[in-house]
Amino acid sequence: MKLQKKRLLSQIIFFFYANLGVLNIKTGLCFPFFYCHACPTASSACPIRAIEQSIYKGSFTWKFLLYPFLILGTIGILSGRAVCGWACPIGLLQRGTAKVARRIKNHSFAQKLGQHKIEKYLRYIKYINLIGLALVTSYFIGFMFTDICPVGFLTGTIPILVLYPGKFVPNSFFMIALIVFILFMILIFIVERGWCRYFCPVGAILAPFNKISFLHIHIDKEKCIHCNACSDICPMGINVPEMNRDPECILCGKCIKVCSKHIISYERV
């Protein structure tokens, strides 16, 4: 089976795992990716929500704080950010919107953004989301990032509205969450993997592990002819020939597929 078909199969399997709650199967674990625990069919907990609740308004619950970090840290050490490219259901969604985003990129604002030096600074927003909204704000104020999370709105709020019409009672953050969700949908249609690049706090946790993970992408730079086919196909907008365990790499393997010289491969330490 070809690599990208294997990746698609993996993403589909994890999507069904995330929704085993429809069969009343609850694992009691944290998802190793971003998916809302409030989804009526969810099988596990959202790692960001677990982190938020463990420090809510200054009340530390250490086991609940360490639990999601240990899960994500273990996965990060083993495979870096591969979970973003091979498991996350929101990654699967963005795989579906990628063709539209690529068409827009060829003749629009998205292309100019990708070429502008400010783009690399936008990628730090996900760390601000993690530290500022998921940690600091939850600790001092109680306002939680997941209350306005577009992934929560997509996988939690909308299914509840559909499955339990008339029973849903909007909270005070509903309109803000709706606006954020609309902006999220616009983003993933105009920038390929826009959520992963700029805003995902789970990606922010996993990204640093690319530097030390057992599995990573290896490029034989001495044999590279700099055709840039790998960079053009990269959904994360990475300059692949120059990268060295880039924190943004989701190990999707698209660069491996298009390399005419076959000098890009997965490598295990």
Protein backbone atom coordinates (compact mmCIF):
# COMPACT_ATOMS: atom_id res chain seq x y z
CA MET A 1 0.00 0.00 0.00
CA LYS A 2 1.28 3.45 -0.92
CA LEU A 3 2.42 5.72 1.91
CA GLN A 4 -0.33 8.35 1.55
CA LYS A 5 -3.02 5.67 1.40
CA LYS A 6 -1.61 4.23 4.62
CA ARG A 7 -1.75 7.68 6.17
CA LEU A 8 -5.36 8.17 5.09
CA LEU A 9 -6.29 4.77 6.52
CA SER A 10 -4.56 5.68 9.79
CA GLN A 11 -6.46 8.99 9.98
CA ILE A 12 -9.78 7.25 9.34
CA ILE A 13 -9.09 4.62 12.01
CA PHE A 14 -8.25 7.30 14.58
CA PHE A 15 -11.38 9.23 13.61
CA PHE A 16 -13.48 6.18 14.41
CA TYR A 17 -11.50 5.64 17.63
CA ALA A 18 -12.30 9.23 18.63
CA ASN A 19 -16.01 8.50 18.20
CA LEU A 20 -16.31 5.10 19.87
CA GLY A 21 -18.62 6.78 22.37
CA VAL A 22 -21.42 6.12 19.89
CA LEU A 23 -21.03 2.47 20.99
CA ASN A 24 -20.85 3.56 24.65
CA ILE A 25 -17.12 2.84 24.70
CA LYS A 26 -15.23 5.32 26.88
CA THR A 27 -11.50 4.74 27.22
CA GLY A 28 -10.84 7.06 30.17
CA LEU A 29 -7.75 8.36 28.37
CA CYS A 30 -6.80 11.73 26.93
CA PHE A 31 -6.80 11.96 23.17
CA PRO A 32 -3.24 12.30 21.82
CA PHE A 33 -4.65 14.97 19.51
CA PHE A 34 -7.19 17.80 19.51
CA TYR A 35 -10.78 16.53 19.74
CA CYS A 36 -13.59 17.71 21.96
CA HIS A 37 -14.57 15.56 24.94
CA ALA A 38 -18.00 17.23 24.79
CA CYS A 39 -18.75 15.48 21.50
CA PRO A 40 -21.67 13.10 22.26
CA THR A 41 -19.72 10.23 20.68
CA ALA A 42 -16.26 11.07 22.06
CA SER A 43 -14.33 8.15 23.54
CA SER A 44 -11.70 10.12 25.49
CA ALA A 45 -10.93 13.52 26.98
CA CYS A 46 -9.50 16.59 25.27
CA PRO A 47 -5.90 17.04 26.53
CA ILE A 48 -6.21 20.84 26.61
CA ARG A 49 -9.46 20.73 28.58
CA ALA A 50 -7.86 18.33 31.05
CA ILE A 51 -4.94 20.72 31.51
CA GLU A 52 -7.29 23.69 31.99
CA GLN A 53 -9.44 21.93 34.56
CA SER A 54 -6.41 20.77 36.52
CA ILE A 55 -5.40 24.39 37.25
CA TYR A 56 -8.82 26.06 37.10
CA LYS A 57 -8.79 29.26 39.21
CA GLY A 58 -5.61 28.26 41.02
CA SER A 59 -6.71 24.84 42.19
CA PHE A 60 -3.91 22.43 41.23
CA THR A 61 -4.76 18.80 40.58
CA TRP A 62 -1.35 17.44 39.75
CA LYS A 63 -2.33 14.05 38.40
CA PHE A 64 -4.76 15.62 35.95
CA LEU A 65 -2.16 18.20 34.95
CA LEU A 66 0.62 15.66 34.39
CA TYR A 67 -1.57 13.03 32.73
CA PRO A 68 -2.08 14.77 29.32
CA PHE A 69 1.50 16.05 29.31
CA LEU A 70 2.83 12.52 29.95
CA ILE A 71 0.68 11.09 27.14
CA LEU A 72 1.69 13.77 24.66
CA GLY A 73 5.30 13.76 25.86
CA THR A 74 5.63 10.00 25.38
CA ILE A 75 4.16 10.20 21.89
CA GLY A 76 6.35 13.22 21.14
CA ILE A 77 9.55 11.40 22.15
CA LEU A 78 8.62 8.37 20.04
CA SER A 79 7.44 10.11 16.88
CA GLY A 80 7.58 13.87 17.27
CA ARG A 81 4.63 15.60 15.69
CA ALA A 82 3.63 12.61 13.55
CA VAL A 83 0.33 12.36 15.42
CA CYS A 84 -0.70 15.62 13.69
CA GLY A 85 -0.15 14.09 10.27
CA TRP A 86 -1.28 10.53 10.90
CA ALA A 87 -3.92 10.56 13.63
CA CYS A 88 -5.63 13.89 14.33
CA PRO A 89 -9.21 14.09 12.97
CA ILE A 90 -8.78 17.85 12.48
CA GLY A 91 -5.76 17.03 10.35
CA LEU A 92 -8.04 14.75 8.33
CA LEU A 93 -10.50 17.62 7.92
CA GLN A 94 -7.73 19.92 6.70
CA ARG A 95 -6.59 17.21 4.31
CA GLY A 96 -10.03 17.54 2.78
CA THR A 97 -9.78 21.33 2.45
CA ALA A 98 -6.19 21.30 1.17
CA LYS A 99 -7.04 21.29 -2.54
CA VAL A 100 -9.09 24.46 -2.19
CA ALA A 101 -6.37 26.08 -0.08
CA ARG A 102 -3.74 25.21 -2.71
CA ARG A 103 -5.79 26.72 -5.51
CA ILE A 104 -6.26 29.91 -3.53
CA LYS A 105 -2.55 29.96 -2.64
CA ASN A 106 -1.53 30.14 -6.29
CA HIS A 107 -3.06 33.55 -6.91
CA SER A 108 -3.96 35.31 -3.68
CA PHE A 109 -3.23 36.74 -0.27
CA ALA A 110 -2.30 33.26 1.00
CA GLN A 111 0.65 33.10 -1.37
CA LYS A 112 1.87 36.54 -0.32
CA LEU A 113 1.50 35.55 3.33
CA GLY A 114 3.52 32.38 2.79
CA GLN A 115 6.33 34.36 1.20
CA HIS A 116 6.35 37.14 3.80
CA LYS A 117 8.73 36.94 6.75
CA ILE A 118 5.85 37.67 9.15
CA GLU A 119 4.49 34.19 8.42
CA LYS A 120 7.09 32.48 10.60
CA TYR A 121 6.12 34.72 13.52
CA LEU A 122 2.44 33.84 13.12
CA ARG A 123 3.40 30.26 13.93
CA TYR A 124 4.16 31.34 17.52
CA ILE A 125 0.47 32.08 18.10
CA LYS A 126 -0.11 28.44 18.99
CA TYR A 127 2.35 28.80 21.88
CA ILE A 128 0.49 31.93 23.01
CA ASN A 129 -2.75 29.94 22.90
CA LEU A 130 -1.20 27.20 25.01
CA ILE A 131 0.50 29.38 27.60
CA GLY A 132 -1.76 32.45 27.59
CA LEU A 133 -5.25 31.05 27.09
CA ALA A 134 -5.03 27.40 28.16
CA LEU A 135 -2.71 27.89 31.18
CA VAL A 136 -2.41 31.47 32.49
CA THR A 137 -6.00 32.57 31.83
CA SER A 138 -7.47 29.36 33.26
CA TYR A 139 -5.34 29.68 36.39
CA PHE A 140 -6.00 33.35 37.17
CA ILE A 141 -9.41 34.07 35.66
CA GLY A 142 -11.13 30.79 34.93
CA PHE A 143 -11.93 31.59 31.32
CA MET A 144 -11.00 28.51 29.32
CA PHE A 145 -9.62 28.31 25.79
CA THR A 146 -11.84 25.32 25.10
CA ASP A 147 -14.95 27.43 25.74
CA ILE A 148 -14.29 29.26 22.48
CA CYS A 149 -12.36 26.49 20.74
CA PRO A 150 -13.47 26.04 17.10
CA VAL A 151 -12.69 22.32 17.25
CA GLY A 152 -14.99 22.02 20.25
CA PHE A 153 -17.69 23.92 18.36
CA LEU A 154 -17.30 21.63 15.35
CA THR A 155 -17.09 18.29 17.14
CA GLY A 156 -19.01 19.10 20.31
CA THR A 157 -21.53 21.92 19.94
CA ILE A 158 -22.79 21.16 16.42
CA PRO A 159 -23.36 17.40 17.04
CA ILE A 160 -25.23 18.23 20.27
CA LEU A 161 -27.42 20.72 18.39
CA VAL A 162 -28.16 18.08 15.75
CA LEU A 163 -28.72 15.14 18.09
CA TYR A 164 -30.57 16.99 20.85
CA PRO A 165 -32.51 19.82 19.17
CA GLY A 166 -34.26 22.11 21.62
CA LYS A 167 -32.27 20.85 24.59
CA PHE A 168 -29.07 22.79 23.97
CA VAL A 169 -28.65 25.85 26.20
CA PRO A 170 -26.01 28.28 24.86
CA ASN A 171 -23.52 29.58 27.43
CA SER A 172 -22.19 33.12 27.62
CA PHE A 173 -19.35 32.26 25.21
CA PHE A 174 -21.57 30.83 22.46
CA MET A 175 -21.48 33.84 20.10
CA ILE A 176 -17.72 34.25 20.54
CA ALA A 177 -17.24 30.53 19.85
CA LEU A 178 -19.44 30.80 16.75
CA ILE A 179 -17.39 33.69 15.37
CA VAL A 180 -14.13 31.85 16.11
CA PHE A 181 -15.51 28.76 14.38
CA ILE A 182 -16.44 30.73 11.26
CA LEU A 183 -12.94 32.25 11.17
CA PHE A 184 -11.47 28.77 11.64
CA MET A 185 -13.40 27.44 8.64
CA ILE A 186 -12.30 30.39 6.50
CA LEU A 187 -8.69 29.88 7.60
CA ILE A 188 -8.44 26.19 6.65
CA PHE A 189 -9.88 26.93 3.21
CA ILE A 190 -7.41 29.73 2.43
CA VAL A 191 -4.24 28.43 4.16
CA GLU A 192 -3.31 24.77 3.93
CA ARG A 193 -3.10 23.35 7.44
CA GLY A 194 -3.76 26.85 8.77
CA TRP A 195 -4.98 25.58 12.14
CA CYS A 196 -1.93 23.35 12.61
CA ARG A 197 0.48 26.06 11.53
CA TYR A 198 -0.77 28.94 13.63
CA PHE A 199 -3.22 28.06 16.39
CA CYS A 200 -3.24 24.45 17.64
CA PRO A 201 -2.05 24.24 21.30
CA VAL A 202 -1.61 20.47 21.06
CA GLY A 203 0.71 21.08 18.13
CA ALA A 204 2.56 23.57 20.35
CA ILE A 205 3.14 20.83 22.94
CA LEU A 206 4.32 18.27 20.39
CA ALA A 207 6.41 20.57 18.15
CA PRO A 208 9.55 20.81 20.36
CA PHE A 209 9.76 17.00 20.52
CA ASN A 210 10.64 16.91 16.81
CA LYS A 211 14.15 17.90 17.87
CA ILE A 212 14.65 14.77 19.98
CA SER A 213 12.13 12.22 18.69
CA PHE A 214 13.17 8.71 17.69
CA LEU A 215 11.40 9.11 14.33
CA HIS A 216 12.11 12.01 12.01
CA ILE A 217 12.50 13.00 8.35
CA HIS A 218 16.02 12.68 6.95
CA ILE A 219 17.29 14.50 3.85
CA ASP A 220 20.59 13.65 2.17
CA LYS A 221 21.46 17.29 1.52
CA GLU A 222 24.62 16.51 -0.44
CA LYS A 223 22.57 14.81 -3.16
CA CYS A 224 19.76 17.39 -3.22
CA ILE A 225 19.32 19.16 -6.58
CA HIS A 226 17.08 21.85 -5.03
CA CYS A 227 14.16 21.29 -7.39
CA ASN A 228 11.90 22.40 -4.47
CA ALA A 229 9.27 19.77 -5.28
CA CYS A 230 9.34 18.74 -1.61
CA SER A 231 8.84 22.29 -0.37
CA ASP A 232 6.03 22.91 -2.86
CA ILE A 233 4.11 19.84 -1.70
CA CYS A 234 4.70 20.36 2.05
CA PRO A 235 1.33 21.10 3.71
CA MET A 236 3.10 22.97 6.53
CA GLY A 237 4.97 25.35 4.22
CA ILE A 238 8.44 24.19 5.29
CA ASN A 239 11.61 24.76 3.30
CA VAL A 240 12.28 21.02 3.30
CA PRO A 241 15.85 20.87 1.84
CA GLU A 242 17.06 23.23 4.56
CA MET A 243 15.14 21.81 7.49
CA ASN A 244 16.72 19.94 10.35
CA ARG A 245 14.07 18.30 12.52
CA ASP A 246 11.81 21.30 11.98
CA PRO A 247 9.23 21.70 14.81
CA GLU A 248 6.56 22.34 12.18
CA CYS A 249 7.08 19.01 10.40
CA ILE A 250 4.10 16.65 10.86
CA LEU A 251 5.93 13.70 9.23
CA CYS A 252 3.18 13.27 6.66
CA GLY A 253 5.67 11.88 4.14
CA LYS A 254 4.50 13.93 1.17
CA CYS A 255 8.06 15.14 0.58
CA ILE A 256 9.23 11.50 0.47
CA LYS A 257 6.69 10.72 -2.23
CA VAL A 258 7.64 13.56 -4.61
CA CYS A 259 11.43 13.39 -4.30
CA SER A 260 12.73 12.32 -7.72
CA LYS A 261 16.16 11.49 -6.28
CA HIS A 262 14.73 9.39 -3.43
CA ILE A 263 16.96 11.13 -0.90
CA ILE A 264 14.22 11.89 1.64
CA SER A 265 13.15 9.17 4.04
CA TYR A 266 11.94 8.37 7.53
CA GLU A 267 14.79 7.71 9.91
CA ARG A 268 14.69 6.08 13.34
CA VAL A 269 17.27 6.89 15.97
